[in-house]
N, C-alpha and C. Protein backbone atom coordinates (compact mmCIF):
# COMPACT_ATOMS: atom_id res chain seq x y z
N MET A 1 71.08 -33.95 73.60
CA MET A 1 70.10 -33.55 72.62
C MET A 1 68.83 -34.36 72.82
N GLY A 2 67.68 -33.77 72.50
CA GLY A 2 66.40 -34.43 72.68
C GLY A 2 65.97 -35.22 71.47
N HIS A 3 64.70 -35.30 71.32
CA HIS A 3 64.12 -36.05 70.22
C HIS A 3 63.38 -35.09 69.28
N VAL A 4 63.14 -35.57 68.07
CA VAL A 4 62.40 -34.81 67.07
C VAL A 4 61.27 -35.71 66.57
N ILE A 5 60.08 -35.16 66.44
CA ILE A 5 58.97 -35.87 65.84
C ILE A 5 58.84 -35.32 64.42
N ARG A 6 58.90 -36.22 63.44
CA ARG A 6 58.85 -35.76 62.05
C ARG A 6 58.18 -36.80 61.18
N LYS A 7 57.81 -36.34 60.00
CA LYS A 7 57.23 -37.23 59.00
C LYS A 7 58.32 -38.20 58.52
N VAL A 8 57.91 -39.41 58.20
CA VAL A 8 58.85 -40.42 57.69
C VAL A 8 59.45 -39.94 56.37
N GLU A 9 60.73 -40.26 56.17
CA GLU A 9 61.44 -39.96 54.92
C GLU A 9 61.93 -41.27 54.32
N ILE A 10 62.19 -41.28 53.03
CA ILE A 10 62.63 -42.50 52.35
C ILE A 10 63.89 -43.08 52.99
N GLU A 11 64.74 -42.23 53.53
CA GLU A 11 65.97 -42.70 54.18
C GLU A 11 65.69 -43.51 55.45
N ASP A 12 64.47 -43.43 55.95
CA ASP A 12 64.08 -44.16 57.17
C ASP A 12 63.63 -45.59 56.89
N LEU A 13 63.58 -45.99 55.63
CA LEU A 13 62.96 -47.25 55.24
C LEU A 13 63.45 -48.44 56.07
N GLU A 14 64.73 -48.65 56.14
CA GLU A 14 65.26 -49.83 56.84
C GLU A 14 65.05 -49.74 58.35
N ALA A 15 65.35 -48.59 58.94
CA ALA A 15 65.19 -48.43 60.39
C ALA A 15 63.72 -48.52 60.79
N LEU A 16 62.84 -47.95 59.99
CA LEU A 16 61.42 -48.02 60.28
C LEU A 16 60.91 -49.45 60.11
N THR A 17 61.42 -50.16 59.13
CA THR A 17 61.05 -51.56 58.95
C THR A 17 61.40 -52.37 60.20
N GLU A 18 62.59 -52.16 60.74
CA GLU A 18 63.00 -52.86 61.97
C GLU A 18 62.07 -52.51 63.14
N LEU A 19 61.73 -51.24 63.25
CA LEU A 19 60.85 -50.79 64.32
C LEU A 19 59.45 -51.39 64.16
N MET A 20 58.96 -51.45 62.93
CA MET A 20 57.64 -52.03 62.69
C MET A 20 57.64 -53.53 62.99
N CYS A 21 58.73 -54.20 62.69
CA CYS A 21 58.84 -55.63 63.03
C CYS A 21 58.86 -55.83 64.54
N ALA A 22 59.54 -54.94 65.27
CA ALA A 22 59.54 -55.01 66.73
C ALA A 22 58.12 -54.83 67.27
N TYR A 23 57.37 -53.99 66.65
CA TYR A 23 55.97 -53.73 67.03
C TYR A 23 55.09 -54.94 66.73
N ILE A 24 55.18 -55.45 65.53
CA ILE A 24 54.32 -56.55 65.09
C ILE A 24 54.68 -57.85 65.81
N VAL A 25 55.94 -58.21 65.79
CA VAL A 25 56.38 -59.50 66.31
C VAL A 25 56.68 -59.42 67.80
N GLY A 26 57.46 -58.41 68.20
CA GLY A 26 57.88 -58.32 69.60
C GLY A 26 56.78 -57.89 70.54
N PHE A 27 56.01 -56.89 70.15
CA PHE A 27 54.98 -56.35 71.05
C PHE A 27 53.67 -57.12 70.94
N TYR A 28 53.18 -57.30 69.70
CA TYR A 28 51.89 -57.96 69.51
C TYR A 28 51.97 -59.47 69.31
N LYS A 29 53.20 -60.01 69.20
CA LYS A 29 53.40 -61.46 69.06
C LYS A 29 52.67 -62.03 67.84
N LYS A 30 52.66 -61.27 66.74
CA LYS A 30 52.04 -61.70 65.49
C LYS A 30 53.13 -62.15 64.53
N PRO A 31 52.77 -62.96 63.54
CA PRO A 31 53.77 -63.37 62.55
C PRO A 31 54.29 -62.17 61.77
N GLN A 32 55.55 -62.21 61.44
CA GLN A 32 56.14 -61.10 60.69
C GLN A 32 55.66 -61.13 59.25
N PRO A 33 55.14 -60.01 58.76
CA PRO A 33 54.79 -59.93 57.33
C PRO A 33 56.06 -59.97 56.49
N LEU A 34 55.90 -60.20 55.22
CA LEU A 34 57.03 -60.12 54.31
C LEU A 34 57.63 -58.72 54.37
N ILE A 35 58.94 -58.63 54.35
CA ILE A 35 59.62 -57.32 54.35
C ILE A 35 59.15 -56.49 53.15
N SER A 36 58.94 -57.14 52.01
CA SER A 36 58.47 -56.42 50.82
C SER A 36 57.08 -55.80 51.08
N SER A 37 56.25 -56.47 51.86
CA SER A 37 54.92 -55.92 52.19
C SER A 37 55.05 -54.72 53.11
N ILE A 38 55.96 -54.81 54.09
CA ILE A 38 56.18 -53.66 54.97
C ILE A 38 56.72 -52.48 54.16
N HIS A 39 57.64 -52.75 53.26
CA HIS A 39 58.19 -51.67 52.41
C HIS A 39 57.10 -51.05 51.54
N ARG A 40 56.22 -51.88 51.00
CA ARG A 40 55.12 -51.35 50.17
C ARG A 40 54.24 -50.43 51.01
N LEU A 41 53.93 -50.84 52.24
CA LEU A 41 53.11 -50.01 53.13
C LEU A 41 53.81 -48.68 53.41
N ILE A 42 55.07 -48.74 53.80
CA ILE A 42 55.81 -47.52 54.10
C ILE A 42 55.85 -46.59 52.89
N ASN A 43 56.12 -47.15 51.72
CA ASN A 43 56.19 -46.34 50.50
C ASN A 43 54.85 -45.70 50.17
N ASN A 44 53.75 -46.42 50.37
CA ASN A 44 52.43 -45.82 50.14
C ASN A 44 52.20 -44.65 51.09
N LEU A 45 52.58 -44.84 52.35
CA LEU A 45 52.37 -43.79 53.33
C LEU A 45 53.31 -42.60 53.11
N LEU A 46 54.49 -42.86 52.56
CA LEU A 46 55.39 -41.76 52.20
C LEU A 46 54.73 -40.83 51.18
N GLN A 47 53.91 -41.40 50.32
CA GLN A 47 53.20 -40.62 49.30
C GLN A 47 51.83 -40.16 49.80
N GLU A 48 51.58 -40.39 51.09
CA GLU A 48 50.30 -40.04 51.73
C GLU A 48 49.12 -40.65 50.98
N GLN A 49 49.32 -41.89 50.54
CA GLN A 49 48.24 -42.64 49.89
C GLN A 49 47.46 -43.39 50.96
N GLY A 50 46.43 -42.76 51.45
CA GLY A 50 45.59 -43.39 52.45
C GLY A 50 46.04 -43.16 53.88
N GLY A 51 47.16 -42.50 54.08
CA GLY A 51 47.63 -42.26 55.43
C GLY A 51 48.99 -41.60 55.46
N ILE A 52 49.54 -41.50 56.65
CA ILE A 52 50.83 -40.84 56.86
C ILE A 52 51.49 -41.45 58.10
N GLN A 53 52.81 -41.45 58.14
CA GLN A 53 53.53 -41.93 59.31
C GLN A 53 54.45 -40.86 59.85
N PHE A 54 54.60 -40.88 61.16
CA PHE A 54 55.53 -40.01 61.86
C PHE A 54 56.48 -40.89 62.68
N VAL A 55 57.69 -40.40 62.89
CA VAL A 55 58.67 -41.12 63.69
C VAL A 55 59.21 -40.23 64.79
N VAL A 56 59.72 -40.89 65.82
CA VAL A 56 60.48 -40.22 66.87
C VAL A 56 61.94 -40.48 66.55
N ASP A 57 62.67 -39.41 66.28
CA ASP A 57 64.08 -39.49 65.93
C ASP A 57 64.88 -38.98 67.12
N LYS A 58 65.61 -39.88 67.74
CA LYS A 58 66.45 -39.52 68.90
C LYS A 58 67.89 -39.59 68.45
N GLU A 59 68.44 -38.43 68.11
CA GLU A 59 69.85 -38.32 67.69
C GLU A 59 70.18 -39.29 66.56
N GLY A 60 69.30 -39.35 65.56
CA GLY A 60 69.55 -40.18 64.38
C GLY A 60 69.06 -41.60 64.50
N GLU A 61 68.53 -42.00 65.66
CA GLU A 61 67.99 -43.35 65.84
C GLU A 61 66.47 -43.25 65.95
N LEU A 62 65.76 -44.08 65.19
CA LEU A 62 64.31 -44.11 65.28
C LEU A 62 63.91 -44.95 66.49
N VAL A 63 63.12 -44.35 67.39
CA VAL A 63 62.74 -45.05 68.62
C VAL A 63 61.22 -45.20 68.74
N GLY A 64 60.48 -44.69 67.78
CA GLY A 64 59.03 -44.82 67.81
C GLY A 64 58.42 -44.38 66.50
N PHE A 65 57.17 -44.79 66.30
CA PHE A 65 56.44 -44.36 65.11
C PHE A 65 54.95 -44.36 65.39
N ALA A 66 54.23 -43.62 64.59
CA ALA A 66 52.76 -43.60 64.63
C ALA A 66 52.27 -43.60 63.19
N THR A 67 51.15 -44.25 62.99
CA THR A 67 50.53 -44.30 61.67
C THR A 67 49.12 -43.76 61.76
N LEU A 68 48.81 -42.80 60.90
CA LEU A 68 47.45 -42.29 60.76
C LEU A 68 46.92 -42.75 59.41
N TYR A 69 45.73 -43.33 59.42
CA TYR A 69 45.06 -43.67 58.17
C TYR A 69 43.91 -42.70 57.97
N PHE A 70 43.65 -42.39 56.72
CA PHE A 70 42.60 -41.45 56.38
C PHE A 70 41.32 -42.22 56.05
N ALA A 71 40.20 -41.76 56.59
CA ALA A 71 38.91 -42.39 56.35
C ALA A 71 37.84 -41.29 56.40
N TRP A 72 36.60 -41.70 56.32
CA TRP A 72 35.47 -40.77 56.39
C TRP A 72 34.53 -41.19 57.51
N SER A 73 33.91 -40.21 58.12
CA SER A 73 32.86 -40.45 59.11
C SER A 73 31.53 -40.08 58.48
N THR A 74 30.65 -41.05 58.38
CA THR A 74 29.31 -40.76 57.88
C THR A 74 28.58 -39.84 58.84
N MET A 75 28.77 -40.06 60.14
CA MET A 75 28.07 -39.24 61.15
C MET A 75 28.47 -37.77 61.07
N LYS A 76 29.73 -37.52 60.74
CA LYS A 76 30.21 -36.14 60.63
C LYS A 76 30.18 -35.64 59.19
N ALA A 77 30.06 -36.57 58.23
CA ALA A 77 30.13 -36.24 56.80
C ALA A 77 31.42 -35.48 56.49
N ASN A 78 32.48 -35.92 57.15
CA ASN A 78 33.79 -35.31 56.98
C ASN A 78 34.87 -36.37 57.13
N PRO A 79 36.07 -36.06 56.64
CA PRO A 79 37.17 -37.02 56.80
C PRO A 79 37.65 -37.06 58.24
N ILE A 80 38.19 -38.22 58.61
CA ILE A 80 38.76 -38.43 59.94
C ILE A 80 40.12 -39.11 59.79
N THR A 81 40.89 -39.11 60.86
CA THR A 81 42.11 -39.93 60.89
C THR A 81 41.90 -41.04 61.92
N ILE A 82 42.51 -42.17 61.62
CA ILE A 82 42.50 -43.31 62.53
C ILE A 82 43.96 -43.59 62.87
N MET A 83 44.30 -43.41 64.14
CA MET A 83 45.66 -43.70 64.58
C MET A 83 45.73 -45.21 64.80
N ASN A 84 46.26 -45.90 63.82
CA ASN A 84 46.29 -47.35 63.87
C ASN A 84 47.47 -47.85 64.69
N ASP A 85 48.52 -47.08 64.77
CA ASP A 85 49.72 -47.49 65.49
C ASP A 85 50.29 -46.31 66.27
N LEU A 86 50.70 -46.59 67.48
CA LEU A 86 51.50 -45.66 68.28
C LEU A 86 52.44 -46.56 69.07
N PHE A 87 53.69 -46.59 68.65
CA PHE A 87 54.64 -47.53 69.23
C PHE A 87 55.96 -46.85 69.50
N LEU A 88 56.49 -47.09 70.70
CA LEU A 88 57.84 -46.65 71.06
C LEU A 88 58.58 -47.81 71.67
N LEU A 89 59.88 -47.83 71.48
CA LEU A 89 60.69 -48.83 72.17
C LEU A 89 60.41 -48.69 73.66
N GLU A 90 60.52 -49.79 74.37
CA GLU A 90 60.08 -49.84 75.77
C GLU A 90 60.67 -48.73 76.63
N SER A 91 61.93 -48.43 76.45
CA SER A 91 62.57 -47.41 77.31
C SER A 91 62.06 -45.99 77.03
N PHE A 92 61.29 -45.81 75.97
CA PHE A 92 60.76 -44.49 75.64
C PHE A 92 59.27 -44.36 75.94
N ARG A 93 58.64 -45.45 76.37
CA ARG A 93 57.22 -45.39 76.73
C ARG A 93 57.08 -44.63 78.03
N GLY A 94 56.03 -43.82 78.10
CA GLY A 94 55.80 -43.03 79.30
C GLY A 94 56.67 -41.78 79.39
N THR A 95 57.34 -41.45 78.30
CA THR A 95 58.21 -40.26 78.28
C THR A 95 57.58 -39.14 77.46
N ALA A 96 58.25 -38.01 77.44
CA ALA A 96 57.79 -36.89 76.63
C ALA A 96 57.75 -37.26 75.15
N ALA A 97 58.62 -38.17 74.72
CA ALA A 97 58.62 -38.59 73.32
C ALA A 97 57.28 -39.22 72.94
N GLU A 98 56.73 -40.02 73.83
CA GLU A 98 55.43 -40.65 73.56
C GLU A 98 54.34 -39.59 73.48
N GLU A 99 54.33 -38.67 74.42
CA GLU A 99 53.34 -37.59 74.41
C GLU A 99 53.48 -36.74 73.15
N ASP A 100 54.69 -36.41 72.79
CA ASP A 100 54.92 -35.57 71.62
C ASP A 100 54.48 -36.26 70.33
N LEU A 101 54.70 -37.56 70.24
CA LEU A 101 54.28 -38.31 69.05
C LEU A 101 52.75 -38.32 68.95
N PHE A 102 52.08 -38.57 70.05
CA PHE A 102 50.62 -38.54 70.07
C PHE A 102 50.11 -37.15 69.66
N GLN A 103 50.71 -36.12 70.27
CA GLN A 103 50.26 -34.75 69.98
C GLN A 103 50.53 -34.37 68.53
N LYS A 104 51.61 -34.88 67.93
CA LYS A 104 51.89 -34.61 66.52
C LYS A 104 50.74 -35.15 65.66
N CYS A 105 50.27 -36.34 65.98
CA CYS A 105 49.15 -36.93 65.24
C CYS A 105 47.89 -36.09 65.43
N GLN A 106 47.64 -35.67 66.65
CA GLN A 106 46.47 -34.86 66.94
C GLN A 106 46.53 -33.51 66.23
N ILE A 107 47.68 -32.86 66.28
CA ILE A 107 47.85 -31.56 65.62
C ILE A 107 47.72 -31.71 64.10
N TYR A 108 48.34 -32.74 63.54
CA TYR A 108 48.22 -32.97 62.10
C TYR A 108 46.75 -33.11 61.71
N SER A 109 46.00 -33.87 62.49
CA SER A 109 44.59 -34.09 62.19
C SER A 109 43.82 -32.78 62.22
N LYS A 110 44.04 -31.97 63.24
CA LYS A 110 43.35 -30.68 63.35
C LYS A 110 43.74 -29.73 62.23
N GLU A 111 45.05 -29.60 62.01
CA GLU A 111 45.54 -28.62 61.02
C GLU A 111 45.16 -28.98 59.59
N ASN A 112 44.85 -30.24 59.35
CA ASN A 112 44.51 -30.67 58.00
C ASN A 112 43.01 -30.90 57.81
N GLY A 113 42.21 -30.39 58.74
CA GLY A 113 40.76 -30.35 58.57
C GLY A 113 40.03 -31.66 58.82
N TYR A 114 40.65 -32.59 59.54
CA TYR A 114 39.95 -33.83 59.87
C TYR A 114 39.00 -33.58 61.04
N ALA A 115 37.83 -34.20 60.99
CA ALA A 115 36.81 -33.98 62.02
C ALA A 115 37.29 -34.45 63.38
N TYR A 116 38.00 -35.56 63.42
CA TYR A 116 38.55 -36.07 64.67
C TYR A 116 39.56 -37.17 64.37
N MET A 117 40.29 -37.56 65.40
CA MET A 117 41.23 -38.67 65.33
C MET A 117 40.70 -39.75 66.27
N SER A 118 40.64 -40.98 65.78
CA SER A 118 40.21 -42.08 66.65
C SER A 118 41.28 -43.15 66.68
N TRP A 119 41.15 -44.07 67.64
CA TRP A 119 42.09 -45.18 67.76
C TRP A 119 41.46 -46.23 68.66
N ILE A 120 42.03 -47.42 68.64
CA ILE A 120 41.63 -48.48 69.54
C ILE A 120 42.89 -49.06 70.19
N THR A 121 42.71 -49.74 71.29
CA THR A 121 43.80 -50.45 71.92
C THR A 121 43.26 -51.74 72.51
N ALA A 122 44.12 -52.67 72.76
CA ALA A 122 43.71 -53.96 73.30
C ALA A 122 43.12 -53.79 74.70
N PRO A 123 42.10 -54.59 75.04
CA PRO A 123 41.48 -54.46 76.36
C PRO A 123 42.46 -54.70 77.51
N ASP A 124 43.49 -55.49 77.28
CA ASP A 124 44.45 -55.76 78.35
C ASP A 124 45.67 -54.85 78.33
N ASN A 125 45.69 -53.87 77.43
CA ASN A 125 46.81 -52.94 77.36
C ASN A 125 46.53 -51.75 78.29
N HIS A 126 46.60 -52.02 79.57
CA HIS A 126 46.24 -51.02 80.58
C HIS A 126 47.18 -49.82 80.58
N ARG A 127 48.48 -50.05 80.28
CA ARG A 127 49.41 -48.94 80.22
C ARG A 127 48.99 -47.96 79.14
N ALA A 128 48.64 -48.47 77.97
CA ALA A 128 48.20 -47.60 76.87
C ALA A 128 46.90 -46.90 77.23
N GLN A 129 45.98 -47.60 77.86
CA GLN A 129 44.72 -46.98 78.25
C GLN A 129 44.95 -45.82 79.21
N GLN A 130 45.85 -46.00 80.18
CA GLN A 130 46.17 -44.91 81.11
C GLN A 130 46.78 -43.73 80.36
N PHE A 131 47.65 -44.03 79.39
CA PHE A 131 48.26 -42.97 78.59
C PHE A 131 47.19 -42.20 77.82
N PHE A 132 46.29 -42.91 77.13
CA PHE A 132 45.26 -42.26 76.32
C PHE A 132 44.29 -41.47 77.20
N ASP A 133 43.98 -41.97 78.38
CA ASP A 133 43.15 -41.21 79.31
C ASP A 133 43.86 -39.91 79.70
N LYS A 134 45.14 -40.02 80.01
CA LYS A 134 45.94 -38.85 80.39
C LYS A 134 46.00 -37.81 79.26
N MET A 135 46.02 -38.28 78.03
CA MET A 135 46.13 -37.38 76.88
C MET A 135 44.78 -36.76 76.49
N GLY A 136 43.72 -37.10 77.21
CA GLY A 136 42.42 -36.49 76.97
C GLY A 136 41.51 -37.30 76.07
N GLY A 137 41.88 -38.53 75.79
CA GLY A 137 41.03 -39.38 74.97
C GLY A 137 39.73 -39.70 75.68
N THR A 138 38.69 -39.91 74.90
CA THR A 138 37.38 -40.27 75.43
C THR A 138 37.05 -41.69 75.01
N ARG A 139 36.73 -42.54 75.98
CA ARG A 139 36.33 -43.91 75.66
C ARG A 139 34.91 -43.88 75.09
N VAL A 140 34.68 -44.70 74.09
CA VAL A 140 33.36 -44.75 73.47
C VAL A 140 32.77 -46.14 73.66
N ASP A 141 31.50 -46.25 73.40
CA ASP A 141 30.77 -47.49 73.67
C ASP A 141 30.54 -48.33 72.41
N TRP A 142 31.48 -48.36 71.51
CA TRP A 142 31.35 -49.17 70.31
C TRP A 142 32.03 -50.52 70.53
N VAL A 143 31.53 -51.52 69.87
CA VAL A 143 32.12 -52.85 69.91
C VAL A 143 32.79 -53.08 68.56
N ASN A 144 34.05 -53.41 68.58
CA ASN A 144 34.80 -53.60 67.33
C ASN A 144 34.73 -55.04 66.87
N TYR A 145 34.60 -55.21 65.57
CA TYR A 145 34.61 -56.52 64.92
C TYR A 145 35.59 -56.51 63.78
N THR A 146 36.10 -57.68 63.41
CA THR A 146 36.86 -57.84 62.18
C THR A 146 36.42 -59.14 61.54
N ILE A 147 36.71 -59.28 60.26
CA ILE A 147 36.41 -60.51 59.53
C ILE A 147 37.43 -60.67 58.42
N VAL A 148 37.74 -61.89 58.11
CA VAL A 148 38.70 -62.18 57.05
C VAL A 148 37.95 -62.66 55.84
């Protein structure tokens, strides 16, 4: 049996929490947030409060997830989605599951009237950059900043 890309359900809470921790701590080497904070985020997204999450379900096991956040583009004067996360367990990267998860986000954005979907990736994440190029993404000339 293959995989299914679907919206997150409340029953996914624990498995998705583990997957998000693998993403935050294992992949990005960042400190793990409080589990209660991760649960709050997942619960907000379950209610589509500011965004939505999709998972890759492989025979009952979650092997990937993507998060879209909802925002507005002043330039377009329309809502947009920001794909903040696209993560699959290592053995599923570069597979049809990864492509299908990306396309689910893209289709959701189009079907729900968003002007476009945007995302960023780390400058040294060459594998992801190759994937996004392959999927038809366009690199832009903006410089990203953050502040605490």
